[in-house]
């Protein structure tokens, strides 16, 4: 029988032996973060993987993240830590539906949040992250924007770039969708000295009432720079725990106990252990068409 420390020691030993780089999205549990080579947002991790010397990349996250790693590093073997770890938001729009939307708005630039499937990226002009979306959309020459798949992040961008016309789909992140205006009002009442920090995947009503909206990395950076001592966190609740570890002298509260991503919770430390010893995970395989065309949208983002 292995305990947590034993497993972590074995994982660290095996990842070195088997030339595996472990990426952990910030929504993973803390025991997994402790054995990772890199921790962060999805696209930041994909960039780290590209530069990593290891021949095998293990993504502890969800499928679209592992696909993005493969798109940027097609020569490397890429594993997803749990085959059922998907993203409902990334998968809520089909290629056929997107093609119909593009036909309806032929003058629009199609902007894909990085939280999309590889096949959807193939049909888009440029990708964005939650951190870069406003700047990239503002700099696009097009006056019309099809923004997929998240209408909440899209509405956040629209508020910052009101001179452009946006087209959205119905949907969004079901986890951030559980955060409500009432949660914010209750938090204001219960934690009068705390600042409220949320992810822009939350609804407009929630974002408009908060002190700061930004990506997971931006939220953690905000806490680091702030002279405040109390914060209410409106994104996946794992971030509350990670911030408690990083800033033990400050207080952190979840905006709602409901903000938990079941797909992120699928990966366990034992899954990571099995992956690094070669008996777990799913290898991500993408055809040449997908690798080439999805890469084009990502390269346009970097430009």
Protein backbone atom coordinates (compact mmCIF):
# COMPACT_ATOMS: atom_id res chain seq x y z
CA UNK A 1 0.00 0.00 0.00
CA UNK A 2 1.36 3.40 -1.06
CA UNK A 3 0.58 6.70 0.62
CA UNK A 4 0.62 10.12 -1.07
CA UNK A 5 4.30 10.81 -0.38
CA UNK A 6 5.34 7.37 -1.60
CA UNK A 7 3.39 7.87 -4.83
CA UNK A 8 4.88 11.29 -5.40
CA UNK A 9 8.41 9.98 -4.91
CA UNK A 10 7.75 7.15 -7.38
CA UNK A 11 6.27 9.55 -9.93
CA UNK A 12 9.27 11.88 -9.72
CA UNK A 13 11.64 8.93 -10.13
CA UNK A 14 9.71 7.40 -13.04
CA UNK A 15 9.18 10.61 -14.97
CA UNK A 16 12.94 11.13 -15.06
CA UNK A 17 13.63 7.51 -15.98
CA UNK A 18 11.03 7.45 -18.77
CA UNK A 19 11.68 10.97 -20.13
CA UNK A 20 8.22 12.33 -19.27
CA UNK A 21 7.36 16.00 -18.74
CA UNK A 22 4.30 16.46 -16.50
CA UNK A 23 2.00 19.41 -17.17
CA UNK A 24 -0.68 20.20 -14.59
CA UNK A 25 -3.47 22.65 -15.21
CA UNK A 26 -4.10 24.91 -12.22
CA UNK A 27 -7.49 23.24 -11.64
CA UNK A 28 -5.82 19.93 -10.75
CA UNK A 29 -5.53 18.91 -7.10
CA UNK A 30 -2.52 20.06 -5.13
CA UNK A 31 -0.93 16.62 -4.79
CA UNK A 32 -0.66 16.52 -8.60
CA UNK A 33 0.71 20.06 -8.83
CA UNK A 34 3.52 19.04 -6.49
CA UNK A 35 4.90 16.46 -8.96
CA UNK A 36 4.41 18.55 -12.11
CA UNK A 37 7.21 20.14 -14.10
CA UNK A 38 4.96 23.03 -15.09
CA UNK A 39 1.69 24.38 -13.65
CA UNK A 40 -0.52 27.00 -15.28
CA UNK A 41 -3.22 27.84 -17.81
CA UNK A 42 -3.81 25.60 -20.80
CA UNK A 43 -1.99 27.57 -23.49
CA UNK A 44 0.89 28.49 -21.21
CA UNK A 45 1.41 24.80 -20.56
CA UNK A 46 1.38 24.00 -24.28
CA UNK A 47 4.14 26.55 -24.83
CA UNK A 48 6.19 25.07 -21.99
CA UNK A 49 5.78 21.61 -23.52
CA UNK A 50 7.12 22.86 -26.85
CA UNK A 51 10.34 23.97 -25.19
CA UNK A 52 10.66 21.00 -22.83
CA UNK A 53 13.46 18.55 -23.67
CA UNK A 54 11.42 15.43 -22.83
CA UNK A 55 10.08 13.21 -25.62
CA UNK A 56 6.78 12.43 -23.84
CA UNK A 57 4.38 15.03 -22.47
CA UNK A 58 1.72 14.12 -19.91
CA UNK A 59 -1.15 16.61 -19.72
CA UNK A 60 -3.01 16.48 -16.42
CA UNK A 61 -6.08 18.37 -17.50
CA UNK A 62 -8.74 17.87 -20.17
CA UNK A 63 -8.75 16.74 -23.79
CA UNK A 64 -8.60 20.07 -25.63
CA UNK A 65 -5.51 20.97 -23.58
CA UNK A 66 -3.72 17.78 -24.61
CA UNK A 67 -4.75 18.43 -28.22
CA UNK A 68 -3.22 21.92 -28.06
CA UNK A 69 0.02 20.43 -26.75
CA UNK A 70 0.06 17.98 -29.68
CA UNK A 71 -0.64 20.77 -32.20
CA UNK A 72 2.34 22.78 -30.96
CA UNK A 73 4.59 19.71 -30.50
CA UNK A 74 3.55 17.18 -33.17
CA UNK A 75 6.88 15.37 -32.93
CA UNK A 76 6.33 14.49 -29.28
CA UNK A 77 4.26 11.73 -27.70
CA UNK A 78 1.40 13.41 -25.84
CA UNK A 79 -0.69 11.68 -23.18
CA UNK A 80 -3.97 12.77 -21.60
CA UNK A 81 -4.03 11.68 -17.96
CA UNK A 82 -7.64 10.41 -18.05
CA UNK A 83 -9.40 9.48 -21.29
CA UNK A 84 -12.81 10.69 -20.10
CA UNK A 85 -11.59 14.15 -19.05
CA UNK A 86 -13.33 16.40 -21.55
CA UNK A 87 -14.65 19.95 -21.51
CA UNK A 88 -18.40 20.46 -22.05
CA UNK A 89 -17.83 24.02 -23.25
CA UNK A 90 -15.17 23.02 -25.78
CA UNK A 91 -17.43 20.28 -27.13
CA UNK A 92 -20.77 22.12 -27.21
CA UNK A 93 -20.44 23.36 -30.81
CA UNK A 94 -20.09 21.11 -33.86
CA UNK A 95 -18.06 21.89 -36.97
CA UNK A 96 -21.26 21.84 -39.04
CA UNK A 97 -22.90 24.41 -36.77
CA UNK A 98 -19.86 26.65 -36.98
CA UNK A 99 -19.80 26.42 -40.78
CA UNK A 100 -23.45 27.51 -40.89
CA UNK A 101 -22.67 30.45 -38.59
CA UNK A 102 -19.75 31.51 -40.79
CA UNK A 103 -21.93 31.31 -43.90
CA UNK A 104 -24.51 33.53 -42.20
CA UNK A 105 -21.86 36.17 -41.37
CA UNK A 106 -19.35 36.01 -44.27
CA UNK A 107 -17.54 39.24 -43.31
CA UNK A 108 -16.85 38.20 -39.73
CA UNK A 109 -13.54 37.01 -38.36
CA UNK A 110 -13.98 33.72 -36.50
CA UNK A 111 -12.28 33.88 -33.12
CA UNK A 112 -11.87 30.69 -31.10
CA UNK A 113 -11.25 30.68 -27.39
CA UNK A 114 -8.41 28.23 -26.80
CA UNK A 115 -11.02 26.10 -24.97
CA UNK A 116 -12.21 24.47 -28.21
CA UNK A 117 -11.63 21.13 -29.87
CA UNK A 118 -8.84 20.75 -32.42
CA UNK A 119 -11.34 20.23 -35.23
CA UNK A 120 -13.11 23.50 -34.41
CA UNK A 121 -9.80 25.36 -34.40
CA UNK A 122 -9.35 24.23 -38.01
CA UNK A 123 -12.38 26.32 -39.00
CA UNK A 124 -11.29 29.47 -37.17
CA UNK A 125 -9.14 32.44 -38.11
CA UNK A 126 -7.44 33.05 -34.80
CA UNK A 127 -7.34 31.61 -31.28
CA UNK A 128 -7.35 33.64 -28.08
CA UNK A 129 -6.86 32.98 -24.39
CA UNK A 130 -8.85 34.65 -21.62
CA UNK A 131 -5.78 36.82 -20.97
CA UNK A 132 -5.19 37.85 -24.61
CA UNK A 133 -8.73 37.95 -26.03
CA UNK A 134 -9.38 41.68 -25.60
CA UNK A 135 -6.08 42.80 -27.13
CA UNK A 136 -6.27 40.40 -30.08
CA UNK A 137 -9.90 41.19 -30.96
CA UNK A 138 -9.21 44.92 -30.69
CA UNK A 139 -6.33 44.60 -33.16
CA UNK A 140 -8.22 42.55 -35.75
CA UNK A 141 -9.10 44.52 -38.92
CA UNK A 142 -12.60 43.01 -39.07
CA UNK A 143 -15.57 44.97 -37.72
CA UNK A 144 -17.59 41.77 -37.18
CA UNK A 145 -16.52 38.96 -34.86
CA UNK A 146 -17.83 35.43 -34.48
CA UNK A 147 -16.65 34.48 -30.98
CA UNK A 148 -16.81 30.81 -29.97
CA UNK A 149 -17.58 28.93 -27.86
CA UNK A 150 -18.06 30.97 -24.67
CA UNK A 151 -20.62 33.81 -24.82
CA UNK A 152 -19.65 34.98 -21.34
CA UNK A 153 -16.00 35.54 -22.21
CA UNK A 154 -17.28 36.97 -25.49
CA UNK A 155 -19.50 39.45 -23.65
CA UNK A 156 -16.52 40.45 -21.50
CA UNK A 157 -14.50 41.15 -24.67
CA UNK A 158 -17.43 42.98 -26.27
CA UNK A 159 -17.67 45.32 -23.27
CA UNK A 160 -13.98 46.18 -23.74
CA UNK A 161 -14.25 46.50 -27.54
CA UNK A 162 -17.71 48.06 -28.04
CA UNK A 163 -16.89 49.38 -31.52
CA UNK A 164 -17.15 45.88 -33.01
CA UNK A 165 -20.19 43.70 -33.67
CA UNK A 166 -20.18 40.25 -32.08
CA UNK A 167 -22.01 37.02 -32.81
CA UNK A 168 -22.19 34.33 -30.11
CA UNK A 169 -23.64 30.88 -29.61
CA UNK A 170 -25.77 29.81 -26.65
CA UNK A 171 -23.76 27.98 -24.04
CA UNK A 172 -20.68 28.60 -21.94
CA UNK A 173 -18.79 26.87 -19.16
CA UNK A 174 -21.30 24.92 -17.05
CA UNK A 175 -19.05 25.21 -13.99
CA UNK A 176 -18.57 28.99 -14.10
CA UNK A 177 -22.24 29.21 -15.07
CA UNK A 178 -23.10 28.04 -11.55
CA UNK A 179 -21.75 31.31 -10.10
CA UNK A 180 -24.61 33.77 -9.63
CA UNK A 181 -25.21 37.42 -8.81
CA UNK A 182 -26.65 36.33 -5.47
CA UNK A 183 -23.36 34.59 -4.67
CA UNK A 184 -21.55 37.89 -5.14
CA UNK A 185 -24.02 39.84 -3.01
CA UNK A 186 -23.79 37.23 -0.25
CA UNK A 187 -19.99 37.30 -0.36
CA UNK A 188 -20.01 41.10 -0.06
CA UNK A 189 -22.13 40.76 3.07
CA UNK A 190 -20.17 37.91 4.67
CA UNK A 191 -16.66 39.09 3.79
CA UNK A 192 -16.79 42.87 3.93
CA UNK A 193 -12.99 43.31 3.81
CA UNK A 194 -12.42 40.89 0.93
CA UNK A 195 -11.93 41.63 -2.75
CA UNK A 196 -13.89 39.45 -5.17
CA UNK A 197 -11.89 38.01 -8.06
CA UNK A 198 -13.61 36.06 -10.85
CA UNK A 199 -12.91 34.39 -14.16
CA UNK A 200 -14.48 36.08 -17.24
CA UNK A 201 -16.18 32.77 -18.07
CA UNK A 202 -18.66 33.85 -15.37
CA UNK A 203 -21.79 35.72 -16.51
CA UNK A 204 -21.88 39.46 -17.19
CA UNK A 205 -23.99 39.98 -14.05
CA UNK A 206 -21.28 38.38 -11.93
CA UNK A 207 -18.30 40.06 -13.60
CA UNK A 208 -19.85 43.52 -13.37
CA UNK A 209 -20.16 43.25 -9.57
CA UNK A 210 -16.63 42.06 -8.86
CA UNK A 211 -13.35 43.82 -8.16
CA UNK A 212 -11.31 41.98 -10.77
CA UNK A 213 -11.92 39.61 -13.68
CA UNK A 214 -9.13 37.67 -15.33
CA UNK A 215 -7.65 34.32 -16.23
CA UNK A 216 -6.59 31.87 -13.55
CA UNK A 217 -3.00 33.05 -13.86
CA UNK A 218 -4.12 36.69 -13.73
CA UNK A 219 -6.16 36.06 -10.58
CA UNK A 220 -3.16 34.48 -8.85
CA UNK A 221 -0.97 37.33 -10.03
CA UNK A 222 -3.45 39.88 -8.70
CA UNK A 223 -3.34 38.29 -5.25
CA UNK A 224 0.45 38.33 -5.27
CA UNK A 225 0.60 42.06 -6.01
CA UNK A 226 -2.29 43.12 -3.77
CA UNK A 227 -1.80 44.52 -0.29
CA UNK A 228 -5.21 43.15 0.69
CA UNK A 229 -5.42 40.15 3.03
CA UNK A 230 -8.80 38.61 2.12
CA UNK A 231 -10.14 37.42 -1.22
CA UNK A 232 -13.24 35.70 -2.52
CA UNK A 233 -12.37 33.52 -5.52
CA UNK A 234 -14.89 33.03 -8.32
CA UNK A 235 -13.38 30.25 -10.39
CA UNK A 236 -12.76 26.51 -9.96
CA UNK A 237 -12.46 25.95 -6.22
CA UNK A 238 -9.09 24.22 -6.46
CA UNK A 239 -7.63 27.72 -6.87
CA UNK A 240 -8.70 28.55 -3.32
CA UNK A 241 -6.55 25.70 -2.03
CA UNK A 242 -3.57 26.58 -4.23
CA UNK A 243 -3.68 30.20 -3.06
CA UNK A 244 -3.84 29.04 0.55
CA UNK A 245 -0.62 27.12 0.02
CA UNK A 246 1.11 29.99 -1.77
CA UNK A 247 -0.05 32.78 0.54
CA UNK A 248 -0.65 31.20 3.98
CA UNK A 249 -0.89 34.61 5.67
CA UNK A 250 -3.89 35.62 3.56
CA UNK A 251 -7.48 34.37 3.67
CA UNK A 252 -9.35 32.92 0.71
CA UNK A 253 -13.01 31.96 0.32
CA UNK A 254 -14.84 30.25 -2.57
CA UNK A 255 -17.53 32.41 -4.15
CA UNK A 256 -19.68 29.28 -4.26
CA UNK A 257 -19.08 25.67 -3.23
CA UNK A 258 -20.70 24.62 -6.53
CA UNK A 259 -17.77 25.75 -8.70
CA UNK A 260 -16.12 22.35 -9.12
CA UNK A 261 -15.12 20.87 -12.48
CA UNK A 262 -15.91 17.16 -12.50
CA UNK A 263 -13.72 16.58 -15.55
CA UNK A 264 -10.68 18.08 -13.83
CA UNK A 265 -11.38 15.93 -10.78
CA UNK A 266 -11.22 12.72 -12.84
CA UNK A 267 -7.41 12.69 -12.79
CA UNK A 268 -5.93 11.27 -9.58
CA UNK A 269 -2.38 10.94 -8.37
CA UNK A 270 -2.60 7.21 -9.11
CA UNK A 271 -3.54 8.05 -12.72
CA UNK A 272 -0.39 10.15 -12.97
CA UNK A 273 1.62 7.28 -11.48
CA UNK A 274 0.22 4.83 -14.03
CA UNK A 275 0.94 7.23 -16.89
CA UNK A 276 4.59 7.76 -16.02
CA UNK A 277 5.14 4.01 -15.66
CA UNK A 278 3.60 3.41 -19.07
CA UNK A 279 0.30 1.70 -18.25
CA UNK A 280 -2.16 4.60 -18.15
CA UNK A 281 -3.48 7.60 -20.00
CA UNK A 282 -4.53 8.02 -23.62
CA UNK A 283 -2.14 9.01 -26.38
CA UNK A 284 -3.40 11.96 -28.41
CA UNK A 285 -3.23 11.34 -32.16
CA UNK A 286 -4.22 14.02 -34.69
CA UNK A 287 -4.13 13.74 -38.48
CA UNK A 288 -1.99 16.00 -40.66
CA UNK A 289 -4.93 18.14 -41.78
CA UNK A 290 -5.91 18.92 -38.19
CA UNK A 291 -2.34 19.57 -37.08
CA UNK A 292 -1.76 22.01 -39.94
CA UNK A 293 -5.05 23.92 -39.87
CA UNK A 294 -5.49 24.12 -36.11
CA UNK A 295 -1.89 25.32 -35.86
CA UNK A 296 -2.70 28.17 -38.28
CA UNK A 297 -5.25 29.67 -35.86
CA UNK A 298 -2.78 29.40 -32.97
CA UNK A 299 0.04 30.94 -35.00
CA UNK A 300 -2.23 33.86 -35.89
CA UNK A 301 -2.83 34.40 -32.17
CA UNK A 302 0.91 34.55 -31.54
CA UNK A 303 1.35 37.06 -34.38
